[in-house]
Amino acid sequence: MDLRVRELIKKIRTDKNITFLLALVAVGVFVAQIVYYVQKGEVFSLKRGFQALFLSVTLFLLFAVLQRITKTGKPFDKTIVTLLRVMAVVVIVGGVLPSCVEVFVVVIRGGIYTIDIANLDIFVPVLGVMIGIFSEIFSYGNDLQEDNDMIA
């Protein structure tokens, strides 16, 4: 490996460690929000708790991607493509499910929930679709990498 690749892997290791710490913080936020919901019964804290849960899963998946890159030295790998696809699904579901949980809890408690179209958050599901598109780019890169490895 040349010096440039070693430096890049060193930076990725740092990013990997930061990602792992952020994932642990997100787990802590999830636990804190669930405890707050159990104590106070505020539905909004339940929604935030589920958002933190999906964030932590996404960050752990990103950690796994960075771990794989540091082990193999190749970003275009079938395992990375699979992890990115799973991450895309988790982000899409994580963007929709917390609001559904909030609606479910309000309705179960006998309340009325009004859907406000202006407040629908589509950013997170769209981000999940973008991650899915990136996974397809990585899949194509994997195919090119395999072709290159066969030639060399």
Foldseek 3Di string as FASTA:
>chain_A
DDPVLVVVLVVLVVVLVVLLVLLVVLQVLLVVLVVCCVVPVDLVSNLSSLLSVLSSVLSVLVSVLSVVCSVPVDNQDPVNLVSLLVSLVSQLCSLPVSVVSSCVVCVVVVHDDDDDPVPRDCPRNVVSVVSNVVSVVSPVVNVVVVVVVVVD
